[in-house]
């Protein structure tokens, strides 16, 4: 082979090698850039529906706060027959007993603020400053309320909510606790963060 032929072969090899290395570099730079357009796994998880098994939840018990939905804690309460029987006996003391404000889906705008009367699903945050109220289920007088019939009490600033998450009048919290979108996938599994039939 002549010197010109060897030089030409070497030149073609070097050009080809540079093209391959350059292409790999461009792809290497482009992948993170393109990937930045996709939401992170954390962002997807923060808004994704969650499934909760409530089969072991007994009357008068709370499950929560459970893993966050949209970075909000969730409370699930199984109300006893006694709790349900007294639920609307103090409506006159509540700021929004009929849940006229938009803190719940339409299917939870009822006396129990729930799909099934015994199961209450709430975002576990006080509507005053987003503290997490304490579950106080006992139907007995409390130091903060001598006529207490169970519910949620926020010790930070004294806001009170009944066993449907409805706010009492004349407390710092301005509105009822939020009911997130949810549905029953089965008798014991609740999907939180999505309405039934909505993908």
N, C-alpha and C. Protein backbone atom coordinates (compact mmCIF):
# COMPACT_ATOMS: atom_id res chain seq x y z
N UNK A 1 0.86 -1.17 0.00
CA UNK A 1 0.00 0.00 0.00
C UNK A 1 0.90 1.23 0.00
N UNK A 2 0.52 2.25 -0.77
CA UNK A 2 1.33 3.47 -0.85
C UNK A 2 1.14 4.27 0.42
N UNK A 3 2.07 5.27 0.60
CA UNK A 3 1.97 6.13 1.77
C UNK A 3 0.69 6.93 1.76
N UNK A 4 0.28 7.38 0.53
CA UNK A 4 -0.96 8.14 0.42
C UNK A 4 -2.15 7.29 0.84
N UNK A 5 -2.17 6.01 0.48
CA UNK A 5 -3.27 5.12 0.85
C UNK A 5 -3.32 4.90 2.36
N UNK A 6 -2.12 4.74 2.99
CA UNK A 6 -2.07 4.54 4.44
C UNK A 6 -2.55 5.78 5.17
N UNK A 7 -2.10 6.96 4.68
CA UNK A 7 -2.53 8.22 5.31
C UNK A 7 -4.04 8.41 5.19
N UNK A 8 -4.56 8.07 4.01
CA UNK A 8 -6.00 8.21 3.78
C UNK A 8 -6.78 7.28 4.71
N UNK A 9 -6.33 6.04 4.89
CA UNK A 9 -7.00 5.09 5.78
C UNK A 9 -6.96 5.55 7.23
N UNK A 10 -5.76 6.07 7.62
CA UNK A 10 -5.61 6.57 8.98
C UNK A 10 -6.54 7.77 9.22
N UNK A 11 -6.59 8.67 8.23
CA UNK A 11 -7.45 9.85 8.32
C UNK A 11 -8.91 9.45 8.46
N UNK A 12 -9.37 8.49 7.64
CA UNK A 12 -10.76 8.02 7.71
C UNK A 12 -11.07 7.39 9.07
N UNK A 13 -10.09 6.64 9.57
CA UNK A 13 -10.27 6.02 10.89
C UNK A 13 -10.42 7.08 11.98
N UNK A 14 -9.52 8.10 11.95
CA UNK A 14 -9.58 9.16 12.95
C UNK A 14 -10.86 9.97 12.86
N UNK A 15 -11.31 10.25 11.63
CA UNK A 15 -12.56 10.99 11.45
C UNK A 15 -13.73 10.17 12.00
N UNK A 16 -13.74 8.89 11.67
CA UNK A 16 -14.81 8.01 12.18
C UNK A 16 -14.80 7.92 13.69
N UNK A 17 -13.60 7.77 14.27
CA UNK A 17 -13.48 7.66 15.72
C UNK A 17 -13.95 8.96 16.39
N UNK A 18 -13.55 10.11 15.82
CA UNK A 18 -14.00 11.39 16.38
C UNK A 18 -15.50 11.54 16.28
N UNK A 19 -16.10 11.11 15.19
CA UNK A 19 -17.55 11.19 15.04
C UNK A 19 -18.26 10.34 16.09
N UNK A 20 -17.74 9.13 16.32
CA UNK A 20 -18.35 8.25 17.32
C UNK A 20 -18.23 8.85 18.71
N UNK A 21 -17.04 9.31 19.09
CA UNK A 21 -16.82 9.89 20.41
C UNK A 21 -17.65 11.17 20.57
N UNK A 22 -17.69 11.99 19.52
CA UNK A 22 -18.49 13.22 19.56
C UNK A 22 -19.98 12.91 19.72
N UNK A 23 -20.47 11.89 19.01
CA UNK A 23 -21.88 11.51 19.11
C UNK A 23 -22.22 11.03 20.52
N UNK A 24 -21.34 10.23 21.09
CA UNK A 24 -21.56 9.74 22.45
C UNK A 24 -21.60 10.92 23.42
N UNK A 25 -20.72 11.89 23.23
CA UNK A 25 -20.71 13.07 24.09
C UNK A 25 -21.99 13.88 23.98
N UNK A 26 -22.47 14.07 22.76
CA UNK A 26 -23.70 14.83 22.56
C UNK A 26 -24.87 14.11 23.22
N UNK A 27 -24.96 12.78 23.04
CA UNK A 27 -26.03 12.01 23.67
C UNK A 27 -25.91 12.10 25.19
N UNK A 28 -24.68 12.01 25.69
CA UNK A 28 -24.46 12.10 27.13
C UNK A 28 -24.91 13.43 27.71
N UNK A 29 -24.72 14.50 26.96
CA UNK A 29 -25.19 15.81 27.41
C UNK A 29 -26.69 15.97 27.25
N UNK A 30 -27.27 15.37 26.22
CA UNK A 30 -28.68 15.56 25.92
C UNK A 30 -29.57 14.79 26.88
N UNK A 31 -29.14 13.60 27.32
CA UNK A 31 -30.00 12.75 28.16
C UNK A 31 -30.42 13.47 29.45
N UNK A 32 -29.49 14.05 30.23
CA UNK A 32 -29.94 14.75 31.44
C UNK A 32 -30.84 15.95 31.13
N UNK A 33 -30.52 16.64 30.03
CA UNK A 33 -31.32 17.81 29.65
C UNK A 33 -32.75 17.40 29.32
N UNK A 34 -32.92 16.36 28.52
CA UNK A 34 -34.25 15.88 28.15
C UNK A 34 -34.95 15.30 29.38
N UNK A 35 -34.19 14.60 30.22
CA UNK A 35 -34.79 14.00 31.42
C UNK A 35 -35.30 15.06 32.38
N UNK A 36 -34.72 16.26 32.32
CA UNK A 36 -35.17 17.32 33.24
C UNK A 36 -36.59 17.77 32.93
N UNK A 37 -37.09 17.46 31.75
CA UNK A 37 -38.47 17.82 31.41
C UNK A 37 -39.47 16.88 32.07
N UNK A 38 -39.06 15.70 32.48
CA UNK A 38 -39.95 14.74 33.12
C UNK A 38 -40.00 15.00 34.62
N UNK A 39 -41.19 14.85 35.26
CA UNK A 39 -41.25 15.03 36.71
C UNK A 39 -40.46 13.95 37.43
N UNK A 40 -39.89 14.31 38.56
CA UNK A 40 -39.11 13.34 39.33
C UNK A 40 -40.03 12.29 39.94
N UNK A 41 -39.43 11.21 40.40
CA UNK A 41 -40.21 10.15 41.06
C UNK A 41 -40.90 10.71 42.30
N UNK A 42 -40.22 11.62 43.00
CA UNK A 42 -40.81 12.22 44.20
C UNK A 42 -42.03 13.06 43.84
N UNK A 43 -41.91 13.82 42.74
CA UNK A 43 -43.05 14.65 42.30
C UNK A 43 -44.22 13.78 41.87
N UNK A 44 -43.92 12.68 41.19
CA UNK A 44 -45.00 11.78 40.79
C UNK A 44 -45.68 11.17 42.01
N UNK A 45 -44.86 10.76 42.97
CA UNK A 45 -45.40 10.11 44.17
C UNK A 45 -46.23 11.08 45.00
N UNK A 46 -45.82 12.35 45.02
CA UNK A 46 -46.52 13.33 45.85
C UNK A 46 -47.97 13.52 45.42
N UNK A 47 -48.26 13.36 44.14
CA UNK A 47 -49.62 13.55 43.67
C UNK A 47 -50.33 12.27 43.31
N UNK A 48 -49.63 11.17 43.37
CA UNK A 48 -50.22 9.90 42.97
C UNK A 48 -51.19 9.39 44.02
N UNK A 49 -52.27 8.73 43.60
CA UNK A 49 -53.20 8.15 44.57
C UNK A 49 -52.50 7.10 45.44
N UNK A 50 -53.00 6.94 46.66
CA UNK A 50 -52.46 5.92 47.56
C UNK A 50 -53.59 4.97 47.94
N UNK A 51 -53.25 3.72 48.21
CA UNK A 51 -54.23 2.72 48.64
C UNK A 51 -54.00 2.40 50.10
N UNK A 52 -55.09 2.33 50.84
CA UNK A 52 -54.99 2.06 52.28
C UNK A 52 -55.95 0.92 52.64
N UNK A 53 -55.41 -0.07 53.34
CA UNK A 53 -56.21 -1.20 53.82
C UNK A 53 -56.77 -0.84 55.19
N UNK A 54 -58.09 -0.82 55.32
CA UNK A 54 -58.72 -0.45 56.59
C UNK A 54 -59.38 -1.66 57.27
N UNK A 55 -59.03 -2.85 56.83
CA UNK A 55 -59.69 -4.06 57.34
C UNK A 55 -59.46 -4.29 58.84
N UNK A 56 -58.35 -3.79 59.39
CA UNK A 56 -58.04 -4.01 60.81
C UNK A 56 -58.46 -2.82 61.69
N UNK A 57 -59.08 -1.82 61.10
CA UNK A 57 -59.49 -0.63 61.85
C UNK A 57 -60.77 -0.92 62.62
N UNK A 58 -60.72 -0.76 63.94
CA UNK A 58 -61.88 -1.05 64.77
C UNK A 58 -62.70 0.20 65.05
N UNK A 59 -63.95 0.05 65.49
CA UNK A 59 -64.79 1.19 65.82
C UNK A 59 -64.13 2.11 66.84
N UNK A 60 -64.16 3.40 66.56
CA UNK A 60 -63.55 4.38 67.46
C UNK A 60 -62.06 4.56 67.26
N UNK A 61 -61.48 3.87 66.28
CA UNK A 61 -60.03 3.96 66.05
C UNK A 61 -59.71 4.84 64.85
N UNK A 62 -58.47 5.35 64.86
CA UNK A 62 -57.98 6.17 63.76
C UNK A 62 -56.75 5.51 63.15
N UNK A 63 -56.64 5.62 61.87
CA UNK A 63 -55.44 5.20 61.15
C UNK A 63 -54.83 6.49 60.64
N UNK A 64 -53.73 6.88 61.23
CA UNK A 64 -53.13 8.11 60.76
C UNK A 64 -52.33 8.79 61.84
N UNK A 65 -51.52 9.76 61.44
CA UNK A 65 -51.40 10.11 60.04
C UNK A 65 -50.69 9.01 59.26
N UNK A 66 -51.24 8.72 58.09
CA UNK A 66 -50.66 7.69 57.23
C UNK A 66 -49.86 8.35 56.13
N UNK A 67 -49.15 7.55 55.31
CA UNK A 67 -48.30 8.16 54.28
C UNK A 67 -49.02 9.27 53.53
N UNK A 68 -48.29 10.34 53.35
CA UNK A 68 -48.87 11.55 52.80
C UNK A 68 -49.38 11.39 51.37
N UNK A 69 -50.44 12.09 51.10
CA UNK A 69 -50.92 12.28 49.74
C UNK A 69 -50.74 13.77 49.45
N UNK A 70 -49.99 14.07 48.40
CA UNK A 70 -49.65 15.46 48.05
C UNK A 70 -49.01 16.18 49.24
N UNK A 71 -48.15 15.44 49.94
CA UNK A 71 -47.44 15.97 51.11
C UNK A 71 -48.38 16.38 52.24
N UNK A 72 -49.57 15.82 52.29
CA UNK A 72 -50.51 16.09 53.38
C UNK A 72 -50.78 14.79 54.13
N UNK A 73 -50.80 14.83 55.47
CA UNK A 73 -51.13 13.61 56.22
C UNK A 73 -52.61 13.28 56.06
N UNK A 74 -52.93 12.01 56.11
CA UNK A 74 -54.32 11.56 55.96
C UNK A 74 -54.76 10.86 57.25
N UNK A 75 -55.97 11.19 57.71
CA UNK A 75 -56.60 10.51 58.83
C UNK A 75 -57.75 9.67 58.29
N UNK A 76 -57.85 8.43 58.76
CA UNK A 76 -59.02 7.59 58.46
C UNK A 76 -59.58 7.12 59.81
N UNK A 77 -60.83 7.46 60.06
CA UNK A 77 -61.48 7.13 61.33
C UNK A 77 -62.64 6.19 61.07
N UNK A 78 -62.74 5.14 61.90
CA UNK A 78 -63.91 4.27 61.86
C UNK A 78 -64.79 4.67 63.04
N UNK A 79 -65.90 5.30 62.73
CA UNK A 79 -66.79 5.79 63.78
C UNK A 79 -67.70 4.67 64.28
N UNK A 80 -67.87 4.64 65.59
CA UNK A 80 -68.76 3.64 66.21
C UNK A 80 -70.21 4.08 66.03
N UNK A 81 -71.14 3.18 66.32
CA UNK A 81 -72.56 3.52 66.26
C UNK A 81 -72.88 4.67 67.23
N UNK A 82 -72.24 4.66 68.41
CA UNK A 82 -72.48 5.72 69.39
C UNK A 82 -72.00 7.07 68.84
N UNK A 83 -70.84 7.08 68.21
CA UNK A 83 -70.31 8.31 67.61
C UNK A 83 -71.26 8.84 66.54
N UNK A 84 -71.73 7.93 65.68
CA UNK A 84 -72.63 8.35 64.61
C UNK A 84 -73.96 8.85 65.17
N UNK A 85 -74.42 8.23 66.26
CA UNK A 85 -75.68 8.63 66.86
C UNK A 85 -75.66 10.05 67.43
N UNK A 86 -74.47 10.50 67.86
CA UNK A 86 -74.37 11.84 68.47
C UNK A 86 -73.76 12.86 67.51
N UNK A 87 -73.43 12.44 66.32
CA UNK A 87 -72.67 13.28 65.39
C UNK A 87 -73.33 14.63 65.11
N UNK A 88 -74.61 14.65 64.90
CA UNK A 88 -75.27 15.91 64.53
C UNK A 88 -76.07 16.54 65.67
N UNK A 89 -75.77 16.12 66.91
CA UNK A 89 -76.52 16.65 68.05
C UNK A 89 -76.05 18.03 68.49
N UNK A 90 -74.88 18.47 68.00
CA UNK A 90 -74.38 19.80 68.39
C UNK A 90 -74.15 20.70 67.17
N UNK A 91 -74.92 20.49 66.13
CA UNK A 91 -74.73 21.28 64.91
C UNK A 91 -74.83 22.78 65.14
N UNK A 92 -75.61 23.18 66.13
CA UNK A 92 -75.77 24.60 66.43
C UNK A 92 -74.46 25.25 66.85
N UNK A 93 -73.53 24.45 67.35
CA UNK A 93 -72.22 24.97 67.79
C UNK A 93 -71.19 25.02 66.66
N UNK A 94 -71.55 24.50 65.48
CA UNK A 94 -70.60 24.41 64.36
C UNK A 94 -70.70 25.63 63.45
N UNK A 95 -69.57 25.99 62.83
CA UNK A 95 -69.54 27.14 61.93
C UNK A 95 -70.16 26.81 60.57
N UNK A 96 -69.98 25.58 60.10
CA UNK A 96 -70.47 25.18 58.77
C UNK A 96 -71.00 23.75 58.84
N UNK A 97 -72.11 23.52 59.58
CA UNK A 97 -72.59 22.15 59.79
C UNK A 97 -73.04 21.45 58.51
N UNK A 98 -73.51 22.19 57.52
CA UNK A 98 -73.98 21.57 56.27
C UNK A 98 -72.87 21.45 55.23
N UNK A 99 -71.65 21.81 55.61
CA UNK A 99 -70.50 21.75 54.70
C UNK A 99 -70.78 22.48 53.39
N UNK A 100 -71.26 23.71 53.51
CA UNK A 100 -71.58 24.51 52.33
C UNK A 100 -70.33 25.01 51.61
N UNK A 101 -69.24 25.14 52.33
CA UNK A 101 -68.00 25.57 51.68
C UNK A 101 -67.37 24.38 50.96
N UNK A 102 -66.47 24.66 50.05
CA UNK A 102 -65.89 23.61 49.20
C UNK A 102 -64.69 22.91 49.85
N UNK A 103 -64.93 22.10 50.87
CA UNK A 103 -63.83 21.35 51.50
C UNK A 103 -63.97 19.86 51.29
N UNK A 104 -64.87 19.45 50.41
CA UNK A 104 -65.08 18.02 50.20
C UNK A 104 -65.68 17.80 48.81
N UNK A 105 -65.46 16.59 48.26
CA UNK A 105 -66.12 16.24 46.99
C UNK A 105 -67.64 16.19 47.20
N UNK A 106 -68.38 16.27 46.14
CA UNK A 106 -69.85 16.30 46.21
C UNK A 106 -70.41 15.08 46.92
N UNK A 107 -69.77 13.89 46.71
CA UNK A 107 -70.28 12.66 47.32
C UNK A 107 -70.05 12.61 48.83
N UNK A 108 -69.28 13.56 49.37
CA UNK A 108 -69.06 13.61 50.82
C UNK A 108 -69.73 14.84 51.44
N UNK A 109 -70.60 15.47 50.68
CA UNK A 109 -71.33 16.63 51.21
C UNK A 109 -72.65 16.12 51.77
N UNK A 110 -72.56 15.52 52.95
CA UNK A 110 -73.72 14.95 53.62
C UNK A 110 -73.49 15.06 55.13
N UNK A 111 -74.41 14.52 55.92
CA UNK A 111 -74.31 14.64 57.38
C UNK A 111 -73.05 14.02 57.97
N UNK A 112 -72.51 13.01 57.32
CA UNK A 112 -71.33 12.33 57.86
C UNK A 112 -70.05 12.71 57.13
N UNK A 113 -70.16 13.48 56.04
CA UNK A 113 -69.03 13.88 55.19
C UNK A 113 -68.23 12.65 54.75
N UNK A 114 -68.95 11.62 54.33
CA UNK A 114 -68.28 10.39 53.95
C UNK A 114 -69.10 9.60 52.94
N UNK A 115 -68.45 8.62 52.31
CA UNK A 115 -69.13 7.72 51.39
C UNK A 115 -69.90 6.68 52.20
N UNK A 116 -69.18 6.05 53.13
CA UNK A 116 -69.80 5.11 54.07
C UNK A 116 -69.87 5.82 55.42
N UNK A 117 -71.02 5.87 56.06
CA UNK A 117 -71.15 6.65 57.30
C UNK A 117 -70.09 6.34 58.35
N UNK A 118 -69.71 5.08 58.48
CA UNK A 118 -68.77 4.73 59.55
C UNK A 118 -67.32 5.10 59.24
N UNK A 119 -66.96 5.29 57.97
CA UNK A 119 -65.57 5.56 57.60
C UNK A 119 -65.40 7.02 57.18
N UNK A 120 -64.59 7.76 57.93
CA UNK A 120 -64.30 9.16 57.62
C UNK A 120 -62.86 9.27 57.11
N UNK A 121 -62.68 9.95 55.99
CA UNK A 121 -61.35 10.19 55.42
C UNK A 121 -61.12 11.70 55.39
N UNK A 122 -60.06 12.15 56.05
CA UNK A 122 -59.76 13.58 56.13
C UNK A 122 -58.29 13.85 55.84
N UNK A 123 -58.01 15.05 55.34
CA UNK A 123 -56.64 15.55 55.34
C UNK A 123 -56.39 15.99 56.78
N UNK A 124 -55.37 15.45 57.41
CA UNK A 124 -55.13 15.65 58.84
C UNK A 124 -54.45 16.96 59.18
N UNK A 125 -54.99 18.07 58.69
CA UNK A 125 -54.42 19.39 58.97
C UNK A 125 -55.50 20.34 59.46
N UNK A 126 -55.16 21.11 60.46
CA UNK A 126 -56.06 22.17 60.94
C UNK A 126 -56.10 23.25 59.86
N UNK A 127 -57.26 23.80 59.61
CA UNK A 127 -57.40 24.80 58.55
C UNK A 127 -56.97 26.19 59.01
N UNK A 128 -56.45 26.29 60.22
CA UNK A 128 -55.95 27.58 60.70
C UNK A 128 -54.53 27.80 60.20
N UNK A 129 -53.57 27.05 60.73
CA UNK A 129 -52.17 27.21 60.32
C UNK A 129 -51.54 25.88 59.93
N UNK A 130 -52.36 24.92 59.54
CA UNK A 130 -51.88 23.60 59.07
C UNK A 130 -51.14 22.80 60.12
N UNK A 131 -51.49 22.98 61.38
CA UNK A 131 -50.99 22.09 62.43
C UNK A 131 -51.74 20.77 62.28
N UNK A 132 -51.29 19.75 62.98
CA UNK A 132 -51.99 18.47 62.93
C UNK A 132 -52.82 18.28 64.19
N UNK A 133 -54.15 18.37 64.08
CA UNK A 133 -54.98 18.24 65.28
C UNK A 133 -54.92 16.83 65.87
N UNK A 134 -55.17 16.75 67.16
CA UNK A 134 -55.15 15.46 67.87
C UNK A 134 -56.55 14.84 67.84
N UNK A 135 -56.60 13.54 67.63
CA UNK A 135 -57.85 12.80 67.65
C UNK A 135 -58.27 12.59 69.09
N UNK A 136 -59.44 13.12 69.45
CA UNK A 136 -59.97 12.98 70.80
C UNK A 136 -61.36 12.35 70.67
N UNK A 137 -61.43 11.02 70.57
CA UNK A 137 -62.68 10.35 70.24
C UNK A 137 -63.68 10.21 71.38
N UNK A 138 -63.22 10.37 72.60
CA UNK A 138 -64.09 10.09 73.75
C UNK A 138 -65.27 11.05 73.82
N UNK A 139 -66.46 10.48 74.01
CA UNK A 139 -67.68 11.28 74.13
C UNK A 139 -67.87 11.68 75.59
N UNK A 140 -66.97 12.54 76.05
CA UNK A 140 -67.00 12.95 77.46
C UNK A 140 -66.46 14.37 77.57
N UNK A 141 -66.80 15.06 78.63
CA UNK A 141 -66.28 16.42 78.81
C UNK A 141 -64.75 16.44 78.82
N UNK A 142 -64.20 17.47 78.21
CA UNK A 142 -62.75 17.68 78.20
C UNK A 142 -62.47 19.05 78.82
N UNK A 143 -61.24 19.27 79.25
CA UNK A 143 -60.90 20.56 79.87
C UNK A 143 -61.11 21.71 78.88
N UNK A 144 -60.89 21.45 77.60
CA UNK A 144 -61.06 22.51 76.61
C UNK A 144 -62.51 22.66 76.16
N UNK A 145 -63.40 21.72 76.54
CA UNK A 145 -64.80 21.79 76.14
C UNK A 145 -65.63 20.86 77.03
N UNK A 146 -66.39 21.43 77.98
CA UNK A 146 -67.18 20.60 78.89
C UNK A 146 -68.32 19.84 78.22
N UNK A 147 -68.66 20.19 76.97
CA UNK A 147 -69.73 19.49 76.25
C UNK A 147 -69.18 18.64 75.10
N UNK A 148 -67.92 18.27 75.19
CA UNK A 148 -67.23 17.57 74.10
C UNK A 148 -67.89 16.24 73.76
N UNK A 149 -68.13 16.02 72.45
CA UNK A 149 -68.68 14.75 71.98
C UNK A 149 -67.76 14.08 70.97
N UNK A 150 -66.47 14.27 71.16
CA UNK A 150 -65.49 13.62 70.30
C UNK A 150 -65.17 14.42 69.06
N UNK A 151 -63.97 14.19 68.54
CA UNK A 151 -63.54 14.87 67.33
C UNK A 151 -62.05 15.11 67.32
N UNK A 152 -61.67 16.27 66.82
CA UNK A 152 -60.26 16.64 66.68
C UNK A 152 -60.03 17.98 67.36
N UNK A 153 -58.93 18.03 68.13
CA UNK A 153 -58.60 19.24 68.86
C UNK A 153 -57.18 19.65 68.51
N UNK A 154 -57.00 20.91 68.16
CA UNK A 154 -55.67 21.43 67.83
C UNK A 154 -55.15 22.22 69.03
N UNK A 155 -54.24 21.66 69.81
CA UNK A 155 -53.78 22.33 71.02
C UNK A 155 -52.93 23.57 70.74
N UNK A 156 -52.45 23.72 69.53
CA UNK A 156 -51.60 24.88 69.22
C UNK A 156 -52.35 26.19 69.44
N UNK A 157 -53.59 26.27 68.92
CA UNK A 157 -54.35 27.53 69.03
C UNK A 157 -55.80 27.31 69.46
N UNK A 158 -56.16 26.08 69.80
CA UNK A 158 -57.48 25.82 70.36
C UNK A 158 -58.61 25.56 69.37
N UNK A 159 -58.29 25.26 68.12
CA UNK A 159 -59.36 24.96 67.15
C UNK A 159 -59.93 23.58 67.43
N UNK A 160 -61.25 23.46 67.24
CA UNK A 160 -61.94 22.20 67.50
C UNK A 160 -62.76 21.80 66.28
N UNK A 161 -62.80 20.49 66.03
CA UNK A 161 -63.56 19.92 64.93
C UNK A 161 -64.33 18.71 65.45
N UNK A 162 -65.52 18.48 64.94
CA UNK A 162 -66.30 17.32 65.40
C UNK A 162 -65.84 16.04 64.69
N UNK A 163 -66.56 14.97 64.91
CA UNK A 163 -66.18 13.67 64.34
C UNK A 163 -66.48 13.54 62.84
N UNK A 164 -66.87 14.64 62.21
CA UNK A 164 -66.97 14.70 60.74
C UNK A 164 -65.96 15.71 60.20
N UNK A 165 -65.09 16.22 61.08
CA UNK A 165 -64.09 17.21 60.67
C UNK A 165 -64.68 18.59 60.45
N UNK A 166 -65.87 18.85 61.03
CA UNK A 166 -66.51 20.16 60.88
C UNK A 166 -66.05 21.08 62.02
N UNK A 167 -65.70 22.30 61.68
CA UNK A 167 -65.13 23.23 62.64
C UNK A 167 -66.20 23.84 63.54
N UNK A 168 -65.84 24.00 64.80
CA UNK A 168 -66.71 24.69 65.75
C UNK A 168 -66.65 26.19 65.47
N UNK A 169 -67.71 26.90 65.82
CA UNK A 169 -67.73 28.35 65.68
C UNK A 169 -66.81 28.98 66.73
N UNK A 170 -66.34 30.17 66.45
CA UNK A 170 -65.54 30.98 67.38
C UNK A 170 -64.21 30.34 67.77
N UNK A 171 -63.58 29.64 66.83
CA UNK A 171 -62.21 29.15 67.04
C UNK A 171 -61.35 29.73 65.91
N UNK A 172 -60.03 29.67 66.05
CA UNK A 172 -59.19 30.26 64.99
C UNK A 172 -59.35 29.64 63.60
N UNK A 173 -59.60 28.32 63.52
CA UNK A 173 -59.73 27.68 62.20
C UNK A 173 -60.94 28.24 61.47
N UNK A 174 -60.78 28.64 60.21
CA UNK A 174 -61.88 29.28 59.49
C UNK A 174 -62.84 28.32 58.80
N UNK A 175 -62.43 27.06 58.62
CA UNK A 175 -63.28 26.16 57.84
C UNK A 175 -63.11 24.71 58.28
N UNK A 176 -64.00 23.87 57.78
CA UNK A 176 -63.95 22.44 58.07
C UNK A 176 -62.66 21.82 57.55
N UNK A 177 -62.28 20.68 58.11
CA UNK A 177 -61.12 19.95 57.60
C UNK A 177 -61.46 19.42 56.21
N UNK A 178 -60.45 19.31 55.37
CA UNK A 178 -60.65 18.88 53.99
C UNK A 178 -60.90 17.38 53.89
N UNK A 179 -61.85 17.00 53.05
CA UNK A 179 -62.05 15.59 52.69
C UNK A 179 -61.42 15.41 51.31
N UNK A 180 -60.38 14.56 51.19
CA UNK A 180 -59.74 14.40 49.89
C UNK A 180 -60.59 13.55 48.96
N UNK A 181 -60.35 13.62 47.65
CA UNK A 181 -61.04 12.70 46.75
C UNK A 181 -60.65 11.27 47.11
N UNK A 182 -61.61 10.37 47.12
CA UNK A 182 -61.32 8.98 47.45
C UNK A 182 -62.49 8.09 47.02
N UNK A 183 -62.24 6.80 46.99
CA UNK A 183 -63.31 5.82 46.73
C UNK A 183 -62.89 4.48 47.31
N UNK A 184 -63.88 3.60 47.46
CA UNK A 184 -63.61 2.26 47.98
C UNK A 184 -63.37 1.31 46.82
N UNK A 185 -62.14 0.80 46.74
CA UNK A 185 -61.81 -0.19 45.71
C UNK A 185 -62.46 -1.53 46.06
N UNK A 186 -62.56 -1.78 47.37
CA UNK A 186 -63.25 -2.96 47.90
C UNK A 186 -63.76 -2.58 49.28
N UNK A 187 -64.35 -3.52 50.00
CA UNK A 187 -64.86 -3.22 51.34
C UNK A 187 -63.75 -2.78 52.30
N UNK A 188 -62.52 -3.21 52.02
CA UNK A 188 -61.44 -2.92 52.97
C UNK A 188 -60.32 -2.06 52.40
N UNK A 189 -60.38 -1.68 51.14
CA UNK A 189 -59.30 -0.87 50.55
C UNK A 189 -59.87 0.44 50.01
N UNK A 190 -59.27 1.55 50.49
CA UNK A 190 -59.66 2.88 50.03
C UNK A 190 -58.55 3.44 49.15
N UNK A 191 -58.92 4.01 48.02
CA UNK A 191 -57.99 4.71 47.15
C UNK A 191 -58.16 6.19 47.46
N UNK A 192 -57.09 6.84 47.90
CA UNK A 192 -57.13 8.25 48.27
C UNK A 192 -56.37 9.07 47.22
N UNK A 193 -57.02 10.13 46.76
CA UNK A 193 -56.39 11.01 45.78
C UNK A 193 -57.02 10.91 44.42
N UNK A 194 -58.12 10.17 44.33
CA UNK A 194 -58.76 9.96 43.03
C UNK A 194 -60.23 9.63 43.27
N UNK A 195 -61.09 10.17 42.42
CA UNK A 195 -62.51 9.81 42.47
C UNK A 195 -62.72 8.53 41.67
N UNK A 196 -63.73 7.77 42.03
CA UNK A 196 -64.00 6.51 41.33
C UNK A 196 -64.29 6.78 39.87
N UNK A 197 -63.64 6.00 38.99
CA UNK A 197 -63.85 6.13 37.56
C UNK A 197 -63.00 7.21 36.92
N UNK A 198 -62.17 7.92 37.72
CA UNK A 198 -61.30 8.96 37.16
C UNK A 198 -59.88 8.44 37.15
N UNK A 199 -59.27 8.40 35.96
CA UNK A 199 -57.91 7.86 35.87
C UNK A 199 -56.90 8.96 36.09
